Amino acid sequence: MKGLGKIILSVFVLSVLFSCATERETESLEEVLIAEMEENIPDSLTEEEVLSLEQQLIDQGLVNLEEYIPGIRVELKYSTTDNFFGQDVYGELTNAYLQPEVADMLKKAQEKLKSEYPNLTLLIYDAVRPLSVQQILWDNLDRPDSIKPLYVADPKVGSLHNFGVAVDLTIFDNESGSPLDMGTSYDFFGYEAYPDREIEMMAAGKLTRAQLANREILRRIMHSLGFLGIGSEWWHFNAFSRQEAGEKFEIIK
C-alpha cells in the first residue's frame, strides 16, 4: 500500500504541475518545475543578519581566519549552491571563524604546508557553523529523520562545527589556480570520499594514486598539528573530541 500511495501522490503532483503549465502558457514545463522547487528553498542570511552574526561570533571570541592566517584562502561552500543541499544558506557570509586555539593550530598547519610546498595553501570550505544554520540544514534535508545524521548532525545534539572546533578544507595550488584533485568534490557522499575506503576504491579504479597522494599531503599536515580526520569525509578535521569540546567551549548559537 505504501508503494501505491507514493504512485498516487506522484501522479497527483504531476497533474498539478501540468495544470500550472497549462495556465502559464508562456512558461515551459521546466520553468514551472524550477519555480516550484525554488519555493521550497530556505531563505539565506540577509546582509544585516550576516553583520549581526559576525559580530556575535567576534563577541564570543572567535577568530576570522583570513585576517589571522597569512595566505589562507576561504570559499564557504554554504555561501554558494556548490554543496550537498544545492542551496545557499549563508547568504552574504564569506568569512570563516574558529575558536582561537583551533585557529592557532590551523595557522601552524598553513605555515608547515607553505614551508614544504611554497606553491600550495590551505583552502577553507567551512568552519564554525552556528546552531541556527545547523537547524536550517537539518530541516531542509530531504531524508527521513532516522538517517539524517548520516549527512548532517542533529541540532539537538550539535556537531563539532557548532563548537567552532571543526574545519572542512582542501589544498589550493597557486600555480594552477585550482584546488588539488582529491578524487571527489566537497560534500560528495559516496565511498570515493571515505578515507576508510580509499584502497578499495583505488583497486576498483574509482580513485587514482595521484588523488590519494594529494589527500595524504592534507592529512599529514593536519595530523601533525593535532587535527583528527573522520572515516567518511576526506575534507573534515576535528581539533578536539566531542567531550573535550563540550568541556572547553559553548555551542555557538
Protein backbone atom coordinates (compact mmCIF):
# COMPACT_ATOMS: atom_id res chain seq x y z
CA MET A 1 0.00 0.00 0.00
CA LYS A 2 2.87 2.39 0.72
CA GLY A 3 4.21 1.91 -2.81
CA LEU A 4 0.74 2.51 -4.28
CA GLY A 5 0.38 5.62 -2.15
CA LYS A 6 3.63 7.00 -3.49
CA ILE A 7 2.49 6.34 -7.07
CA ILE A 8 -0.84 8.09 -6.46
CA LEU A 9 0.97 11.04 -4.84
CA SER A 10 3.40 11.27 -7.77
CA VAL A 11 0.54 11.26 -10.29
CA PHE A 12 -1.22 13.97 -8.30
CA VAL A 13 1.89 16.15 -8.15
CA LEU A 14 2.50 15.75 -11.88
CA SER A 15 -1.11 16.61 -12.66
CA VAL A 16 -0.85 19.78 -10.60
CA LEU A 17 2.39 20.76 -12.34
CA PHE A 18 0.91 20.14 -15.79
CA SER A 19 -2.14 22.16 -14.77
CA CYS A 20 0.14 25.02 -13.76
CA ALA A 21 1.92 24.72 -17.09
CA THR A 22 -1.38 24.99 -18.95
CA GLU A 23 -2.39 28.09 -17.02
CA ARG A 24 1.01 29.69 -17.63
CA GLU A 25 1.06 29.21 -21.38
CA THR A 26 4.13 31.39 -21.82
CA GLU A 27 6.19 29.22 -19.47
CA SER A 28 7.74 25.87 -20.27
CA LEU A 29 7.18 22.87 -18.00
CA GLU A 30 10.84 23.17 -16.96
CA GLU A 31 10.25 26.75 -15.80
CA VAL A 32 7.22 25.63 -13.78
CA LEU A 33 9.24 22.86 -12.13
CA ILE A 34 12.06 25.26 -11.26
CA ALA A 35 9.57 27.73 -9.79
CA GLU A 36 8.01 25.01 -7.65
CA MET A 37 11.44 23.92 -6.39
CA GLU A 38 12.55 27.47 -5.60
CA GLU A 39 9.50 27.98 -3.39
CA ASN A 40 10.88 25.29 -1.07
CA ILE A 41 14.42 26.64 -0.82
CA PRO A 42 15.04 28.29 2.57
CA ASP A 43 15.98 31.94 2.68
CA SER A 44 19.70 32.60 3.09
CA LEU A 45 21.00 35.09 5.61
CA THR A 46 20.46 38.74 4.75
CA GLU A 47 23.32 41.27 4.83
CA GLU A 48 22.01 42.70 8.11
CA GLU A 49 21.78 39.22 9.64
CA VAL A 50 25.33 38.43 8.48
CA LEU A 51 26.72 41.58 10.11
CA SER A 52 24.89 40.71 13.31
CA LEU A 53 26.06 37.11 13.14
CA GLU A 54 29.71 38.05 12.59
CA GLN A 55 29.61 40.50 15.49
CA GLN A 56 28.20 37.75 17.70
CA LEU A 57 30.98 35.41 16.62
CA ILE A 58 33.59 38.07 17.40
CA ASP A 59 31.93 38.84 20.75
CA GLN A 60 32.18 35.14 21.62
CA GLY A 61 35.91 35.27 20.96
CA LEU A 62 36.07 33.50 17.60
CA VAL A 63 38.78 34.37 15.08
CA ASN A 64 38.40 35.45 11.45
CA LEU A 65 40.74 33.01 9.68
CA GLU A 66 41.65 35.18 6.68
CA GLU A 67 42.65 38.02 8.99
CA TYR A 68 44.57 35.73 11.35
CA ILE A 69 46.36 33.34 8.99
CA PRO A 70 48.52 34.87 6.23
CA GLY A 71 47.83 33.47 2.77
CA ILE A 72 44.99 31.15 3.70
CA ARG A 73 42.05 31.05 1.30
CA VAL A 74 38.36 30.84 2.16
CA GLU A 75 35.47 29.73 -0.04
CA LEU A 76 32.49 28.96 2.17
CA LYS A 77 30.58 26.31 0.25
CA TYR A 78 27.37 27.05 2.13
CA SER A 79 27.55 30.59 0.76
CA THR A 80 27.18 29.00 -2.69
CA THR A 81 24.98 26.33 -4.23
CA ASP A 82 28.03 24.06 -4.69
CA ASN A 83 27.19 21.78 -1.76
CA PHE A 84 25.18 18.67 -0.95
CA PHE A 85 21.98 20.67 -0.49
CA GLY A 86 22.42 22.74 -3.65
CA GLN A 87 21.34 25.74 -1.58
CA ASP A 88 22.99 28.96 -0.39
CA VAL A 89 22.17 29.17 3.33
CA TYR A 90 24.96 31.51 4.46
CA GLY A 91 23.99 34.28 2.07
CA GLU A 92 26.42 37.21 2.32
CA LEU A 93 28.61 35.46 4.90
CA THR A 94 32.05 34.91 3.35
CA ASN A 95 34.35 34.91 6.38
CA ALA A 96 35.31 31.73 8.23
CA TYR A 97 35.63 31.70 12.03
CA LEU A 98 37.08 29.24 14.56
CA GLN A 99 37.94 29.15 18.24
CA PRO A 100 41.32 30.87 18.90
CA GLU A 101 43.02 27.60 19.93
CA VAL A 102 41.91 25.94 16.72
CA ALA A 103 42.89 28.96 14.64
CA ASP A 104 46.39 28.72 16.17
CA MET A 105 46.61 25.04 15.16
CA LEU A 106 45.42 25.85 11.66
CA LYS A 107 47.90 28.73 11.37
CA LYS A 108 50.74 26.32 12.15
CA ALA A 109 49.35 23.86 9.61
CA GLN A 110 49.35 26.59 6.96
CA GLU A 111 52.94 27.53 7.84
CA LYS A 112 54.05 23.90 7.64
CA LEU A 113 52.35 23.40 4.29
CA LYS A 114 53.94 26.58 2.87
CA SER A 115 57.38 25.59 4.13
CA GLU A 116 57.19 22.23 2.36
CA TYR A 117 55.20 23.29 -0.71
CA PRO A 118 55.55 27.05 -1.33
CA ASN A 119 53.01 26.98 -4.16
CA LEU A 120 50.28 25.37 -2.03
CA THR A 121 47.91 26.88 0.52
CA LEU A 122 45.00 25.70 2.64
CA LEU A 123 41.52 26.43 1.28
CA ILE A 124 38.70 26.54 3.85
CA TYR A 125 35.26 25.26 2.81
CA ASP A 126 33.51 25.50 6.19
CA ALA A 127 34.45 26.34 9.78
CA VAL A 128 32.18 27.39 12.65
CA ARG A 129 28.54 26.71 11.86
CA PRO A 130 26.07 28.48 14.16
CA LEU A 131 23.31 26.28 15.53
CA SER A 132 20.69 28.32 13.68
CA VAL A 133 22.31 27.35 10.36
CA GLN A 134 22.59 23.74 11.51
CA GLN A 135 18.82 23.82 12.04
CA ILE A 136 18.26 25.13 8.51
CA LEU A 137 20.32 22.28 7.06
CA TRP A 138 18.52 19.70 9.20
CA ASP A 139 15.04 20.98 8.40
CA ASN A 140 15.66 21.09 4.65
CA LEU A 141 17.45 17.77 4.23
CA ASP A 142 15.12 15.59 2.19
CA ARG A 143 15.75 12.39 4.14
CA PRO A 144 13.89 10.54 6.92
CA ASP A 145 14.92 11.74 10.39
CA SER A 146 16.29 8.27 11.15
CA ILE A 147 19.07 8.60 8.55
CA LYS A 148 19.59 12.38 8.53
CA PRO A 149 22.54 12.06 10.99
CA LEU A 150 24.45 10.26 8.22
CA TYR A 151 24.51 13.57 6.34
CA VAL A 152 24.21 16.34 8.94
CA ALA A 153 24.30 16.40 12.74
CA ASP A 154 21.02 16.76 14.63
CA PRO A 155 20.85 20.34 16.00
CA LYS A 156 19.55 18.90 19.28
CA VAL A 157 22.95 17.27 19.72
CA GLY A 158 25.14 19.63 17.75
CA SER A 159 28.25 18.95 15.72
CA LEU A 160 31.86 19.95 16.33
CA HIS A 161 31.32 22.63 13.67
CA ASN A 162 28.79 24.17 16.08
CA PHE A 163 31.50 24.47 18.73
CA GLY A 164 33.92 26.11 16.28
CA VAL A 165 36.46 23.29 16.58
CA ALA A 166 35.97 21.53 13.23
CA VAL A 167 37.05 22.61 9.78
CA ASP A 168 36.34 21.44 6.23
CA LEU A 169 39.18 22.21 3.86
CA THR A 170 41.35 21.21 0.93
CA ILE A 171 44.62 22.36 -0.65
CA PHE A 172 44.80 25.07 -3.30
CA ASP A 173 47.57 25.17 -5.92
CA ASN A 174 48.50 28.80 -6.55
CA GLU A 175 50.37 27.89 -9.73
CA SER A 176 47.45 26.14 -11.42
CA GLY A 177 44.84 28.40 -9.83
CA SER A 178 42.70 25.49 -8.67
CA PRO A 179 42.41 23.03 -5.78
CA LEU A 180 44.36 19.79 -5.89
CA ASP A 181 42.47 16.82 -7.32
CA MET A 182 41.19 14.86 -4.32
CA GLY A 183 39.11 12.41 -6.32
CA THR A 184 35.70 13.82 -5.35
CA SER A 185 34.12 17.19 -4.80
CA TYR A 186 33.33 18.61 -1.38
CA ASP A 187 30.15 17.21 0.18
CA PHE A 188 30.32 14.08 -2.00
CA PHE A 189 28.55 11.34 -0.03
CA GLY A 190 29.85 8.15 -1.59
CA TYR A 191 32.58 5.63 -0.80
CA GLU A 192 35.03 7.50 -3.03
CA ALA A 193 35.10 10.27 -0.38
CA TYR A 194 35.71 7.85 2.50
CA PRO A 195 39.31 7.71 3.77
CA ASP A 196 38.35 4.29 5.16
CA ARG A 197 37.59 3.01 1.65
CA GLU A 198 40.46 4.53 -0.34
CA ILE A 199 42.39 1.32 -1.03
CA GLU A 200 39.20 -0.42 -2.09
CA MET A 201 38.19 2.48 -4.34
CA MET A 202 41.63 2.66 -5.94
CA ALA A 203 41.51 -1.10 -6.65
CA ALA A 204 38.12 -0.57 -8.29
CA GLY A 205 39.56 2.18 -10.50
CA LYS A 206 37.48 4.92 -8.88
CA LEU A 207 40.43 6.74 -7.32
CA THR A 208 44.00 7.17 -8.56
CA ARG A 209 47.32 7.09 -6.74
CA ALA A 210 47.82 10.76 -7.52
CA GLN A 211 44.50 11.67 -5.91
CA LEU A 212 45.34 9.66 -2.80
CA ALA A 213 48.78 11.27 -2.67
CA ASN A 214 47.12 14.71 -2.62
CA ARG A 215 44.84 13.61 0.21
CA GLU A 216 47.85 12.29 2.10
CA ILE A 217 49.53 15.71 1.96
CA LEU A 218 46.44 17.26 3.57
CA ARG A 219 46.12 14.52 6.19
CA ARG A 220 49.80 14.52 7.11
CA ILE A 221 49.89 18.29 7.56
CA MET A 222 46.68 18.36 9.62
CA HIS A 223 47.56 15.33 11.75
CA SER A 224 50.98 16.77 12.55
CA LEU A 225 49.27 19.72 14.27
CA GLY A 226 46.83 17.62 16.25
CA PHE A 227 43.78 17.52 13.98
CA LEU A 228 41.96 14.22 13.54
CA GLY A 229 40.03 13.20 10.42
CA ILE A 230 36.93 11.06 10.12
CA GLY A 231 36.32 7.91 8.11
CA SER A 232 33.69 9.25 5.72
CA GLU A 233 34.92 12.72 4.59
CA TRP A 234 38.45 13.41 3.35
CA TRP A 235 37.89 17.17 3.86
CA HIS A 236 36.77 17.13 7.54
CA PHE A 237 39.10 17.55 10.53
CA ASN A 238 38.40 17.96 14.24
CA ALA A 239 40.66 19.76 16.69
CA PHE A 240 39.03 18.13 19.73
CA SER A 241 36.77 15.23 20.61
CA ARG A 242 33.12 15.95 21.39
CA GLN A 243 33.80 15.51 25.10
CA GLU A 244 36.76 17.88 25.03
CA ALA A 245 34.83 20.44 23.01
CA GLY A 246 31.92 20.31 25.45
CA GLU A 247 34.27 20.84 28.41
CA LYS A 248 36.18 23.73 26.82
CA PHE A 249 33.59 25.62 24.77
CA GLU A 250 29.93 26.53 24.43
CA ILE A 251 27.91 25.73 21.31
CA ILE A 252 27.76 28.80 19.03
CA LYS A 253 24.09 29.75 18.84
